[in-house]
Amino acid sequence: REAESFKEQGNAYYAKKDYNEAYNYYTKAIDTCPNNASYYGNRAATLMMLGRFREALGDAQQSVRLDDSFVRGHLREGKCHLSLGNAMAASRCFQRVLELDHKNTQAQQEVR
């Protein structure tokens, strides 16, 4: 319950584009409940907005290690790989998204 509260506070800061504060609250959520894929996914999104793609990649990868069916985690991992210049790894991530959700337009567009 406490972790979920931290996540909601992080979401509020993310919505206000205060990514540093969002990062802090997502980190508190992870510290409280380290086995929740969405918390890592949210922190990855925040790190991406801050331009910290290598760190974001680690969080995105952790999110899909915890839940291989976490589509947003695979998408974020793919975008991080692209930003870091690794097109082959990005392509694998987007292909995984399409295995999970063949109608995912974001992954279809990224693959193209």
PDB file of N, CA and C in Angstrom:
ATOM      1  N   ARG A   1       0.828  -1.201   0.000  1.00  0.00           N
ATOM      2  CA  ARG A   1       0.000   0.000   0.000  1.00  0.00           C
ATOM      3  C   ARG A   1       0.869   1.260   0.000  1.00  0.00           C
ATOM      4  N   GLU A   2       1.917   1.267   0.831  1.00  0.00           N
ATOM      5  CA  GLU A   2       2.816   2.418   0.880  1.00  0.00           C
ATOM      6  C   GLU A   2       3.514   2.620  -0.470  1.00  0.00           C
ATOM      7  N   ALA A   3       3.968   1.514  -1.065  1.00  0.00           N
ATOM      8  CA  ALA A   3       4.648   1.592  -2.358  1.00  0.00           C
ATOM      9  C   ALA A   3       3.706   2.167  -3.417  1.00  0.00           C
ATOM     10  N   GLU A   4       2.458   1.744  -3.382  1.00  0.00           N
ATOM     11  CA  GLU A   4       1.475   2.228  -4.361  1.00  0.00           C
ATOM     12  C   GLU A   4       1.254   3.736  -4.182  1.00  0.00           C
ATOM     13  N   SER A   5       1.276   4.193  -2.952  1.00  0.00           N
ATOM     14  CA  SER A   5       1.142   5.623  -2.674  1.00  0.00           C
ATOM     15  C   SER A   5       2.326   6.395  -3.261  1.00  0.00           C
ATOM     16  N   PHE A   6       3.537   5.846  -3.094  1.00  0.00           N
ATOM     17  CA  PHE A   6       4.716   6.486  -3.677  1.00  0.00           C
ATOM     18  C   PHE A   6       4.593   6.546  -5.205  1.00  0.00           C
ATOM     19  N   LYS A   7       4.103   5.442  -5.793  1.00  0.00           N
ATOM     20  CA  LYS A   7       3.946   5.411  -7.250  1.00  0.00           C
ATOM     21  C   LYS A   7       2.961   6.484  -7.698  1.00  0.00           C
ATOM     22  N   GLU A   8       1.844   6.607  -6.989  1.00  0.00           N
ATOM     23  CA  GLU A   8       0.842   7.610  -7.367  1.00  0.00           C
ATOM     24  C   GLU A   8       1.405   9.020  -7.257  1.00  0.00           C
ATOM     25  N   GLN A   9       2.223   9.269  -6.222  1.00  0.00           N
ATOM     26  CA  GLN A   9       2.862  10.578  -6.098  1.00  0.00           C
ATOM     27  C   GLN A   9       3.843  10.795  -7.261  1.00  0.00           C
ATOM     28  N   GLY A  10       4.570   9.747  -7.606  1.00  0.00           N
ATOM     29  CA  GLY A  10       5.469   9.824  -8.762  1.00  0.00           C
ATOM     30  C   GLY A  10       4.705  10.144 -10.032  1.00  0.00           C
ATOM     31  N   ASN A  11       3.549   9.491 -10.197  1.00  0.00           N
ATOM     32  CA  ASN A  11       2.722   9.744 -11.384  1.00  0.00           C
ATOM     33  C   ASN A  11       2.282  11.208 -11.446  1.00  0.00           C
ATOM     34  N   ALA A  12       1.937  11.770 -10.285  1.00  0.00           N
ATOM     35  CA  ALA A  12       1.493  13.167 -10.242  1.00  0.00           C
ATOM     36  C   ALA A  12       2.632  14.098 -10.670  1.00  0.00           C
ATOM     37  N   TYR A  13       3.835  13.845 -10.177  1.00  0.00           N
ATOM     38  CA  TYR A  13       4.982  14.672 -10.566  1.00  0.00           C
ATOM     39  C   TYR A  13       5.327  14.461 -12.043  1.00  0.00           C
ATOM     40  N   TYR A  14       5.204  13.219 -12.518  1.00  0.00           N
ATOM     41  CA  TYR A  14       5.483  12.933 -13.929  1.00  0.00           C
ATOM     42  C   TYR A  14       4.511  13.727 -14.806  1.00  0.00           C
ATOM     43  N   ALA A  15       3.244  13.736 -14.418  1.00  0.00           N
ATOM     44  CA  ALA A  15       2.224  14.464 -15.189  1.00  0.00           C
ATOM     45  C   ALA A  15       2.533  15.961 -15.236  1.00  0.00           C
ATOM     46  N   LYS A  16       3.165  16.478 -14.182  1.00  0.00           N
ATOM     47  CA  LYS A  16       3.544  17.897 -14.135  1.00  0.00           C
ATOM     48  C   LYS A  16       4.894  18.151 -14.793  1.00  0.00           C
ATOM     49  N   LYS A  17       5.472  17.078 -15.359  1.00  0.00           N
ATOM     50  CA  LYS A  17       6.791  17.141 -15.998  1.00  0.00           C
ATOM     51  C   LYS A  17       7.913  17.467 -15.010  1.00  0.00           C
ATOM     52  N   ASP A  18       7.687  17.166 -13.743  1.00  0.00           N
ATOM     53  CA  ASP A  18       8.741  17.303 -12.730  1.00  0.00           C
ATOM     54  C   ASP A  18       9.392  15.926 -12.594  1.00  0.00           C
ATOM     55  N   TYR A  19      10.265  15.618 -13.547  1.00  0.00           N
ATOM     56  CA  TYR A  19      10.813  14.269 -13.657  1.00  0.00           C
ATOM     57  C   TYR A  19      11.768  13.917 -12.528  1.00  0.00           C
ATOM     58  N   ASN A  20      12.463  14.907 -11.979  1.00  0.00           N
ATOM     59  CA  ASN A  20      13.358  14.606 -10.857  1.00  0.00           C
ATOM     60  C   ASN A  20      12.570  14.140  -9.634  1.00  0.00           C
ATOM     61  N   GLU A  21      11.479  14.831  -9.326  1.00  0.00           N
ATOM     62  CA  GLU A  21      10.653  14.413  -8.187  1.00  0.00           C
ATOM     63  C   GLU A  21       9.962  13.087  -8.488  1.00  0.00           C
ATOM     64  N   ALA A  22       9.497  12.913  -9.714  1.00  0.00           N
ATOM     65  CA  ALA A  22       8.874  11.639 -10.089  1.00  0.00           C
ATOM     66  C   ALA A  22       9.870  10.505  -9.878  1.00  0.00           C
ATOM     67  N   TYR A  23      11.102  10.716 -10.314  1.00  0.00           N
ATOM     68  CA  TYR A  23      12.159   9.720 -10.131  1.00  0.00           C
ATOM     69  C   TYR A  23      12.313   9.373  -8.647  1.00  0.00           C
ATOM     70  N   ASN A  24      12.331  10.385  -7.794  1.00  0.00           N
ATOM     71  CA  ASN A  24      12.496  10.145  -6.359  1.00  0.00           C
ATOM     72  C   ASN A  24      11.368   9.287  -5.797  1.00  0.00           C
ATOM     73  N   TYR A  25      10.130   9.561  -6.204  1.00  0.00           N
ATOM     74  CA  TYR A  25       9.005   8.783  -5.680  1.00  0.00           C
ATOM     75  C   TYR A  25       8.961   7.372  -6.260  1.00  0.00           C
ATOM     76  N   TYR A  26       9.306   7.214  -7.538  1.00  0.00           N
ATOM     77  CA  TYR A  26       9.354   5.856  -8.094  1.00  0.00           C
ATOM     78  C   TYR A  26      10.453   5.045  -7.409  1.00  0.00           C
ATOM     79  N   THR A  27      11.551   5.699  -7.065  1.00  0.00           N
ATOM     80  CA  THR A  27      12.628   5.011  -6.347  1.00  0.00           C
ATOM     81  C   THR A  27      12.143   4.570  -4.967  1.00  0.00           C
ATOM     82  N   LYS A  28      11.385   5.420  -4.285  1.00  0.00           N
ATOM     83  CA  LYS A  28      10.824   5.039  -2.978  1.00  0.00           C
ATOM     84  C   LYS A  28       9.885   3.845  -3.139  1.00  0.00           C
ATOM     85  N   ALA A  29       9.087   3.834  -4.206  1.00  0.00           N
ATOM     86  CA  ALA A  29       8.179   2.701  -4.455  1.00  0.00           C
ATOM     87  C   ALA A  29       8.981   1.420  -4.656  1.00  0.00           C
ATOM     88  N   ILE A  30      10.067   1.514  -5.431  1.00  0.00           N
ATOM     89  CA  ILE A  30      10.916   0.343  -5.681  1.00  0.00           C
ATOM     90  C   ILE A  30      11.581  -0.122  -4.391  1.00  0.00           C
ATOM     91  N   ASP A  31      12.070   0.827  -3.599  1.00  0.00           N
ATOM     92  CA  ASP A  31      12.716   0.463  -2.336  1.00  0.00           C
ATOM     93  C   ASP A  31      11.740  -0.245  -1.398  1.00  0.00           C
ATOM     94  N   THR A  32      10.474   0.157  -1.450  1.00  0.00           N
ATOM     95  CA  THR A  32       9.451  -0.423  -0.588  1.00  0.00           C
ATOM     96  C   THR A  32       8.983  -1.784  -1.113  1.00  0.00           C
ATOM     97  N   CYS A  33       8.909  -1.898  -2.433  1.00  0.00           N
ATOM     98  CA  CYS A  33       8.397  -3.128  -3.061  1.00  0.00           C
ATOM     99  C   CYS A  33       9.223  -3.411  -4.321  1.00  0.00           C
ATOM    100  N   PRO A  34      10.371  -4.073  -4.163  1.00  0.00           N
ATOM    101  CA  PRO A  34      11.309  -4.220  -5.282  1.00  0.00           C
ATOM    102  C   PRO A  34      10.934  -5.258  -6.347  1.00  0.00           C
ATOM    103  N   ASN A  35       9.799  -5.906  -6.195  1.00  0.00           N
ATOM    104  CA  ASN A  35       9.427  -6.936  -7.174  1.00  0.00           C
ATOM    105  C   ASN A  35       8.256  -6.534  -8.061  1.00  0.00           C
ATOM    106  N   ASN A  36       8.004  -5.225  -8.192  1.00  0.00           N
ATOM    107  CA  ASN A  36       6.889  -4.748  -9.000  1.00  0.00           C
ATOM    108  C   ASN A  36       7.425  -4.189 -10.317  1.00  0.00           C
ATOM    109  N   ALA A  37       7.094  -4.851 -11.416  1.00  0.00           N
ATOM    110  CA  ALA A  37       7.615  -4.464 -12.733  1.00  0.00           C
ATOM    111  C   ALA A  37       7.219  -3.047 -13.117  1.00  0.00           C
ATOM    112  N   SER A  38       5.989  -2.646 -12.801  1.00  0.00           N
ATOM    113  CA  SER A  38       5.532  -1.326 -13.255  1.00  0.00           C
ATOM    114  C   SER A  38       6.301  -0.193 -12.586  1.00  0.00           C
ATOM    115  N   TYR A  39       6.780  -0.401 -11.369  1.00  0.00           N
ATOM    116  CA  TYR A  39       7.548   0.655 -10.704  1.00  0.00           C
ATOM    117  C   TYR A  39       8.854   0.913 -11.461  1.00  0.00           C
ATOM    118  N   TYR A  40       9.512  -0.182 -11.872  1.00  0.00           N
ATOM    119  CA  TYR A  40      10.730  -0.035 -12.672  1.00  0.00           C
ATOM    120  C   TYR A  40      10.406   0.578 -14.034  1.00  0.00           C
ATOM    121  N   GLY A  41       9.278   0.179 -14.602  1.00  0.00           N
ATOM    122  CA  GLY A  41       8.870   0.739 -15.891  1.00  0.00           C
ATOM    123  C   GLY A  41       8.627   2.238 -15.801  1.00  0.00           C
ATOM    124  N   ASN A  42       7.977   2.663 -14.720  1.00  0.00           N
ATOM    125  CA  ASN A  42       7.728   4.095 -14.541  1.00  0.00           C
ATOM    126  C   ASN A  42       9.032   4.861 -14.341  1.00  0.00           C
ATOM    127  N   ARG A  43       9.923   4.288 -13.556  1.00  0.00           N
ATOM    128  CA  ARG A  43      11.192   4.987 -13.339  1.00  0.00           C
ATOM    129  C   ARG A  43      11.996   5.028 -14.635  1.00  0.00           C
ATOM    130  N   ALA A  44      11.910   3.969 -15.441  1.00  0.00           N
ATOM    131  CA  ALA A  44      12.591   3.969 -16.744  1.00  0.00           C
ATOM    132  C   ALA A  44      12.060   5.102 -17.618  1.00  0.00           C
ATOM    133  N   ALA A  45      10.744   5.275 -17.633  1.00  0.00           N
ATOM    134  CA  ALA A  45      10.146   6.351 -18.441  1.00  0.00           C
ATOM    135  C   ALA A  45      10.647   7.713 -17.972  1.00  0.00           C
ATOM    136  N   THR A  46      10.740   7.878 -16.661  1.00  0.00           N
ATOM    137  CA  THR A  46      11.221   9.133 -16.088  1.00  0.00           C
ATOM    138  C   THR A  46      12.682   9.381 -16.480  1.00  0.00           C
ATOM    139  N   LEU A  47      13.512   8.345 -16.360  1.00  0.00           N
ATOM    140  CA  LEU A  47      14.917   8.482 -16.741  1.00  0.00           C
ATOM    141  C   LEU A  47      15.057   8.809 -18.226  1.00  0.00           C
ATOM    142  N   MET A  48      14.195   8.241 -19.063  1.00  0.00           N
ATOM    143  CA  MET A  48      14.222   8.549 -20.492  1.00  0.00           C
ATOM    144  C   MET A  48      13.919  10.034 -20.704  1.00  0.00           C
ATOM    145  N   MET A  49      12.940  10.553 -19.981  1.00  0.00           N
ATOM    146  CA  MET A  49      12.596  11.966 -20.106  1.00  0.00           C
ATOM    147  C   MET A  49      13.757  12.852 -19.649  1.00  0.00           C
ATOM    148  N   LEU A  50      14.578  12.351 -18.746  1.00  0.00           N
ATOM    149  CA  LEU A  50      15.747  13.093 -18.265  1.00  0.00           C
ATOM    150  C   LEU A  50      16.971  12.877 -19.166  1.00  0.00           C
ATOM    151  N   GLY A  51      16.806  12.052 -20.206  1.00  0.00           N
ATOM    152  CA  GLY A  51      17.906  11.787 -21.126  1.00  0.00           C
ATOM    153  C   GLY A  51      18.941  10.825 -20.587  1.00  0.00           C
ATOM    154  N   ARG A  52      18.587  10.093 -19.541  1.00  0.00           N
ATOM    155  CA  ARG A  52      19.515   9.152 -18.908  1.00  0.00           C
ATOM    156  C   ARG A  52      19.192   7.732 -19.407  1.00  0.00           C
ATOM    157  N   PHE A  53      19.479   7.490 -20.686  1.00  0.00           N
ATOM    158  CA  PHE A  53      19.027   6.264 -21.345  1.00  0.00           C
ATOM    159  C   PHE A  53      19.715   4.999 -20.850  1.00  0.00           C
ATOM    160  N   ARG A  54      20.991   5.094 -20.466  1.00  0.00           N
ATOM    161  CA  ARG A  54      21.669   3.887 -19.984  1.00  0.00           C
ATOM    162  C   ARG A  54      21.044   3.415 -18.672  1.00  0.00           C
ATOM    163  N   GLU A  55      20.758   4.349 -17.770  1.00  0.00           N
ATOM    164  CA  GLU A  55      20.088   3.989 -16.519  1.00  0.00           C
ATOM    165  C   GLU A  55      18.670   3.499 -16.787  1.00  0.00           C
ATOM    166  N   ALA A  56      17.995   4.173 -17.702  1.00  0.00           N
ATOM    167  CA  ALA A  56      16.623   3.782 -18.053  1.00  0.00           C
ATOM    168  C   ALA A  56      16.606   2.358 -18.602  1.00  0.00           C
ATOM    169  N   LEU A  57      17.615   2.026 -19.401  1.00  0.00           N
ATOM    170  CA  LEU A  57      17.706   0.675 -19.962  1.00  0.00           C
ATOM    171  C   LEU A  57      17.753  -0.365 -18.851  1.00  0.00           C
ATOM    172  N   GLY A  58      18.548  -0.108 -17.816  1.00  0.00           N
ATOM    173  CA  GLY A  58      18.631  -1.052 -16.697  1.00  0.00           C
ATOM    174  C   GLY A  58      17.283  -1.260 -16.026  1.00  0.00           C
ATOM    175  N   ASP A  59      16.545  -0.166 -15.817  1.00  0.00           N
ATOM    176  CA  ASP A  59      15.225  -0.287 -15.192  1.00  0.00           C
ATOM    177  C   ASP A  59      14.235  -0.999 -16.113  1.00  0.00           C
ATOM    178  N   ALA A  60      14.280  -0.679 -17.398  1.00  0.00           N
ATOM    179  CA  ALA A  60      13.373  -1.340 -18.344  1.00  0.00           C
ATOM    180  C   ALA A  60      13.656  -2.843 -18.377  1.00  0.00           C
ATOM    181  N   GLN A  61      14.943  -3.198 -18.388  1.00  0.00           N
ATOM    182  CA  GLN A  61      15.306  -4.617 -18.408  1.00  0.00           C
ATOM    183  C   GLN A  61      14.870  -5.308 -17.121  1.00  0.00           C
ATOM    184  N   GLN A  62      15.008  -4.626 -15.995  1.00  0.00           N
ATOM    185  CA  GLN A  62      14.555  -5.214 -14.727  1.00  0.00           C
ATOM    186  C   GLN A  62      13.035  -5.411 -14.752  1.00  0.00           C
ATOM    187  N   SER A  63      12.313  -4.465 -15.340  1.00  0.00           N
ATOM    188  CA  SER A  63      10.849  -4.593 -15.372  1.00  0.00           C
ATOM    189  C   SER A  63      10.419  -5.835 -16.146  1.00  0.00           C
ATOM    190  N   VAL A  64      11.098  -6.139 -17.260  1.00  0.00           N
ATOM    191  CA  VAL A  64      10.700  -7.321 -18.035  1.00  0.00           C
ATOM    192  C   VAL A  64      11.277  -8.608 -17.455  1.00  0.00           C
ATOM    193  N   ARG A  65      12.365  -8.495 -16.668  1.00  0.00           N
ATOM    194  CA  ARG A  65      12.828  -9.691 -15.933  1.00  0.00           C
ATOM    195  C   ARG A  65      11.777 -10.087 -14.903  1.00  0.00           C
ATOM    196  N   LEU A  66      11.175  -9.098 -14.273  1.00  0.00           N
ATOM    197  CA  LEU A  66      10.151  -9.382 -13.258  1.00  0.00           C
ATOM    198  C   LEU A  66       8.843  -9.847 -13.887  1.00  0.00           C
ATOM    199  N   ASP A  67       8.533  -9.336 -15.082  1.00  0.00           N
ATOM    200  CA  ASP A  67       7.273  -9.680 -15.758  1.00  0.00           C
ATOM    201  C   ASP A  67       7.501  -9.632 -17.265  1.00  0.00           C
ATOM    202  N   ASP A  68       7.754 -10.803 -17.845  1.00  0.00           N
ATOM    203  CA  ASP A  68       8.069 -10.867 -19.279  1.00  0.00           C
ATOM    204  C   ASP A  68       6.896 -10.443 -20.160  1.00  0.00           C
ATOM    205  N   SER A  69       5.698 -10.362 -19.604  1.00  0.00           N
ATOM    206  CA  SER A  69       4.539  -9.958 -20.414  1.00  0.00           C
ATOM    207  C   SER A  69       4.252  -8.454 -20.280  1.00  0.00           C
ATOM    208  N   PHE A  70       5.155  -7.707 -19.646  1.00  0.00           N
ATOM    209  CA  PHE A  70       4.983  -6.268 -19.427  1.00  0.00           C
ATOM    210  C   PHE A  70       5.359  -5.514 -20.705  1.00  0.00           C
ATOM    211  N   VAL A  71       4.333  -5.251 -21.522  1.00  0.00           N
ATOM    212  CA  VAL A  71       4.532  -4.663 -22.847  1.00  0.00           C
ATOM    213  C   VAL A  71       5.271  -3.327 -22.774  1.00  0.00           C
ATOM    214  N   ARG A  72       4.847  -2.449 -21.881  1.00  0.00           N
ATOM    215  CA  ARG A  72       5.492  -1.133 -21.802  1.00  0.00           C
ATOM    216  C   ARG A  72       6.970  -1.247 -21.433  1.00  0.00           C
ATOM    217  N   GLY A  73       7.315  -2.261 -20.641  1.00  0.00           N
ATOM    218  CA  GLY A  73       8.714  -2.482 -20.312  1.00  0.00           C
ATOM    219  C   GLY A  73       9.538  -2.830 -21.542  1.00  0.00           C
ATOM    220  N   HIS A  74       8.992  -3.709 -22.378  1.00  0.00           N
ATOM    221  CA  HIS A  74       9.683  -4.080 -23.619  1.00  0.00           C
ATOM    222  C   HIS A  74       9.795  -2.880 -24.554  1.00  0.00           C
ATOM    223  N   LEU A  75       8.729  -2.078 -24.645  1.00  0.00           N
ATOM    224  CA  LEU A  75       8.775  -0.876 -25.495  1.00  0.00           C
ATOM    225  C   LEU A  75       9.863   0.085 -25.007  1.00  0.00           C
ATOM    226  N   ARG A  76       9.901   0.308 -23.711  1.00  0.00           N
ATOM    227  CA  ARG A  76      10.900   1.237 -23.164  1.00  0.00           C
ATOM    228  C   ARG A  76      12.312   0.701 -23.353  1.00  0.00           C
ATOM    229  N   GLU A  77      12.465  -0.597 -23.161  1.00  0.00           N
ATOM    230  CA  GLU A  77      13.785  -1.187 -23.388  1.00  0.00           C
ATOM    231  C   GLU A  77      14.212  -0.961 -24.838  1.00  0.00           C
ATOM    232  N   GLY A  78      13.286  -1.191 -25.751  1.00  0.00           N
ATOM    233  CA  GLY A  78      13.591  -0.984 -27.177  1.00  0.00           C
ATOM    234  C   GLY A  78      13.972   0.451 -27.481  1.00  0.00           C
ATOM    235  N   LYS A  79      13.237   1.396 -26.918  1.00  0.00           N
ATOM    236  CA  LYS A  79      13.545   2.813 -27.167  1.00  0.00           C
ATOM    237  C   LYS A  79      14.900   3.202 -26.583  1.00  0.00           C
ATOM    238  N   CYS A  80      15.234   2.634 -25.439  1.00  0.00           N
ATOM    239  CA  CYS A  80      16.558   2.903 -24.854  1.00  0.00           C
ATOM    240  C   CYS A  80      17.654   2.359 -25.758  1.00  0.00           C
ATOM    241  N   HIS A  81      17.473   1.130 -26.229  1.00  0.00           N
ATOM    242  CA  HIS A  81      18.479   0.550 -27.128  1.00  0.00           C
ATOM    243  C   HIS A  81      18.650   1.432 -28.363  1.00  0.00           C
ATOM    244  N   LEU A  82      17.533   1.911 -28.922  1.00  0.00           N
ATOM    245  CA  LEU A  82      17.626   2.787 -30.094  1.00  0.00           C
ATOM    246  C   LEU A  82      18.402   4.052 -29.764  1.00  0.00           C
ATOM    247  N   SER A  83      18.078   4.667 -28.649  1.00  0.00           N
ATOM    248  CA  SER A  83      18.751   5.908 -28.248  1.00  0.00           C
ATOM    249  C   SER A  83      20.238   5.697 -28.004  1.00  0.00           C
ATOM    250  N   LEU A  84      20.596   4.468 -27.614  1.00  0.00           N
ATOM    251  CA  LEU A  84      22.003   4.149 -27.354  1.00  0.00           C
ATOM    252  C   LEU A  84      22.702   3.574 -28.586  1.00  0.00           C
ATOM    253  N   GLY A  85      21.965   3.517 -29.715  1.00  0.00           N
ATOM    254  CA  GLY A  85      22.570   3.095 -30.975  1.00  0.00           C
ATOM    255  C   GLY A  85      22.601   1.602 -31.223  1.00  0.00           C
ATOM    256  N   ASN A  86      21.797   0.837 -30.490  1.00  0.00           N
ATOM    257  CA  ASN A  86      21.796  -0.618 -30.665  1.00  0.00           C
ATOM    258  C   ASN A  86      20.494  -1.052 -31.337  1.00  0.00           C
ATOM    259  N   ALA A  87      20.470  -0.934 -32.666  1.00  0.00           N
ATOM    260  CA  ALA A  87      19.250  -1.208 -33.432  1.00  0.00           C
ATOM    261  C   ALA A  87      18.835  -2.677 -33.364  1.00  0.00           C
ATOM    262  N   MET A  88      19.789  -3.577 -33.332  1.00  0.00           N
ATOM    263  CA  MET A  88      19.441  -5.012 -33.312  1.00  0.00           C
ATOM    264  C   MET A  88      18.723  -5.366 -32.011  1.00  0.00           C
ATOM    265  N   ALA A  89      19.246  -4.905 -30.885  1.00  0.00           N
ATOM    266  CA  ALA A  89      18.604  -5.179 -29.597  1.00  0.00           C
ATOM    267  C   ALA A  89      17.234  -4.516 -29.547  1.00  0.00           C
ATOM    268  N   ALA A  90      17.134  -3.312 -30.088  1.00  0.00           N
ATOM    269  CA  ALA A  90      15.845  -2.610 -30.119  1.00  0.00           C
ATOM    270  C   ALA A  90      14.829  -3.423 -30.914  1.00  0.00           C
ATOM    271  N   SER A  91      15.242  -3.912 -32.053  1.00  0.00           N
ATOM    272  CA  SER A  91      14.352  -4.698 -32.905  1.00  0.00           C
ATOM    273  C   SER A  91      13.839  -5.934 -32.169  1.00  0.00           C
ATOM    274  N   ARG A  92      14.718  -6.600 -31.419  1.00  0.00           N
ATOM    275  CA  ARG A  92      14.290  -7.780 -30.650  1.00  0.00           C
ATOM    276  C   ARG A  92      13.212  -7.395 -29.630  1.00  0.00           C
ATOM    277  N   CYS A  93      13.395  -6.246 -28.984  1.00  0.00           N
ATOM    278  CA  CYS A  93      12.404  -5.794 -27.990  1.00  0.00           C
ATOM    279  C   CYS A  93      11.056  -5.533 -28.654  1.00  0.00           C
ATOM    280  N   PHE A  94      11.086  -4.836 -29.788  1.00  0.00           N
ATOM    281  CA  PHE A  94       9.829  -4.509 -30.459  1.00  0.00           C
ATOM    282  C   PHE A  94       9.153  -5.772 -31.007  1.00  0.00           C
ATOM    283  N   GLN A  95       9.960  -6.745 -31.445  1.00  0.00           N
ATOM    284  CA  GLN A  95       9.392  -8.021 -31.897  1.00  0.00           C
ATOM    285  C   GLN A  95       8.705  -8.738 -30.731  1.00  0.00           C
ATOM    286  N   ARG A  96       9.310  -8.656 -29.557  1.00  0.00           N
ATOM    287  CA  ARG A  96       8.703  -9.272 -28.366  1.00  0.00           C
ATOM    288  C   ARG A  96       7.364  -8.613 -28.054  1.00  0.00           C
ATOM    289  N   VAL A  97       7.300  -7.301 -28.179  1.00  0.00           N
ATOM    290  CA  VAL A  97       6.025  -6.602 -27.962  1.00  0.00           C
ATOM    291  C   VAL A  97       4.975  -7.151 -28.927  1.00  0.00           C
ATOM    292  N   LEU A  98       5.361  -7.326 -30.181  1.00  0.00           N
ATOM    293  CA  LEU A  98       4.403  -7.814 -31.179  1.00  0.00           C
ATOM    294  C   LEU A  98       4.001  -9.263 -30.920  1.00  0.00           C
ATOM    295  N   GLU A  99       4.882 -10.051 -30.300  1.00  0.00           N
ATOM    296  CA  GLU A  99       4.490 -11.410 -29.898  1.00  0.00           C
ATOM    297  C   GLU A  99       3.410 -11.339 -28.814  1.00  0.00           C
ATOM    298  N   LEU A 100       3.549 -10.375 -27.916  1.00  0.00           N
ATOM    299  CA  LEU A 100       2.594 -10.226 -26.815  1.00  0.00           C
ATOM    300  C   LEU A 100       1.312  -9.541 -27.262  1.00  0.00           C
ATOM    301  N   ASP A 101       1.434  -8.614 -28.206  1.00  0.00           N
ATOM    302  CA  ASP A 101       0.292  -7.800 -28.651  1.00  0.00           C
ATOM    303  C   ASP A 101       0.517  -7.455 -30.120  1.00  0.00           C
ATOM    304  N   HIS A 102       0.056  -8.343 -31.005  1.00  0.00           N
ATOM    305  CA  HIS A 102       0.348  -8.183 -32.432  1.00  0.00           C
ATOM    306  C   HIS A 102      -0.251  -6.915 -33.041  1.00  0.00           C
ATOM    307  N   LYS A 103      -1.163  -6.274 -32.337  1.00  0.00           N
ATOM    308  CA  LYS A 103      -1.782  -5.049 -32.857  1.00  0.00           C
ATOM    309  C   LYS A 103      -1.146  -3.782 -32.276  1.00  0.00           C
ATOM    310  N   ASN A 104      -0.058  -3.915 -31.543  1.00  0.00           N
ATOM    311  CA  ASN A 104       0.559  -2.754 -30.904  1.00  0.00           C
ATOM    312  C   ASN A 104       1.147  -1.833 -31.977  1.00  0.00           C
ATOM    313  N   THR A 105       0.477  -0.697 -32.188  1.00  0.00           N
ATOM    314  CA  THR A 105       0.870   0.213 -33.280  1.00  0.00           C
ATOM    315  C   THR A 105       2.229   0.863 -33.003  1.00  0.00           C
ATOM    316  N   GLN A 106       2.538   1.105 -31.742  1.00  0.00           N
ATOM    317  CA  GLN A 106       3.831   1.718 -31.416  1.00  0.00           C
ATOM    318  C   GLN A 106       4.972   0.796 -31.830  1.00  0.00           C
ATOM    319  N   ALA A 107       4.850  -0.485 -31.502  1.00  0.00           N
ATOM    320  CA  ALA A 107       5.903  -1.445 -31.864  1.00  0.00           C
ATOM    321  C   ALA A 107       5.950  -1.625 -33.376  1.00  0.00           C
ATOM    322  N   GLN A 108       4.789  -1.679 -34.032  1.00  0.00           N
ATOM    323  CA  GLN A 108       4.762  -1.814 -35.490  1.00  0.00           C
ATOM    324  C   GLN A 108       5.513  -0.656 -36.139  1.00  0.00           C
ATOM    325  N   GLN A 109       5.257   0.555 -35.643  1.00  0.00           N
ATOM    326  CA  GLN A 109       5.904   1.741 -36.185  1.00  0.00           C
ATOM    327  C   GLN A 109       7.414   1.702 -35.937  1.00  0.00           C
ATOM    328  N   GLU A 110       7.828   1.294 -34.757  1.00  0.00           N
ATOM    329  CA  GLU A 110       9.259   1.233 -34.436  1.00  0.00           C
ATOM    330  C   GLU A 110       9.973   0.206 -35.306  1.00  0.00           C
ATOM    331  N   VAL A 111       9.338  -0.918 -35.569  1.00  0.00           N
ATOM    332  CA  VAL A 111       9.950  -1.966 -36.393  1.00  0.00           C
ATOM    333  C   VAL A 111      10.182  -1.429 -37.816  1.00  0.00           C
ATOM    334  N   ARG A 112       9.210  -0.677 -38.316  1.00  0.00           N
ATOM    335  CA  ARG A 112       9.356  -0.084 -39.657  1.00  0.00           C
ATOM    336  C   ARG A 112      10.512   0.890 -39.667  1.00  0.00           C
TER     337      ARG A 112
END
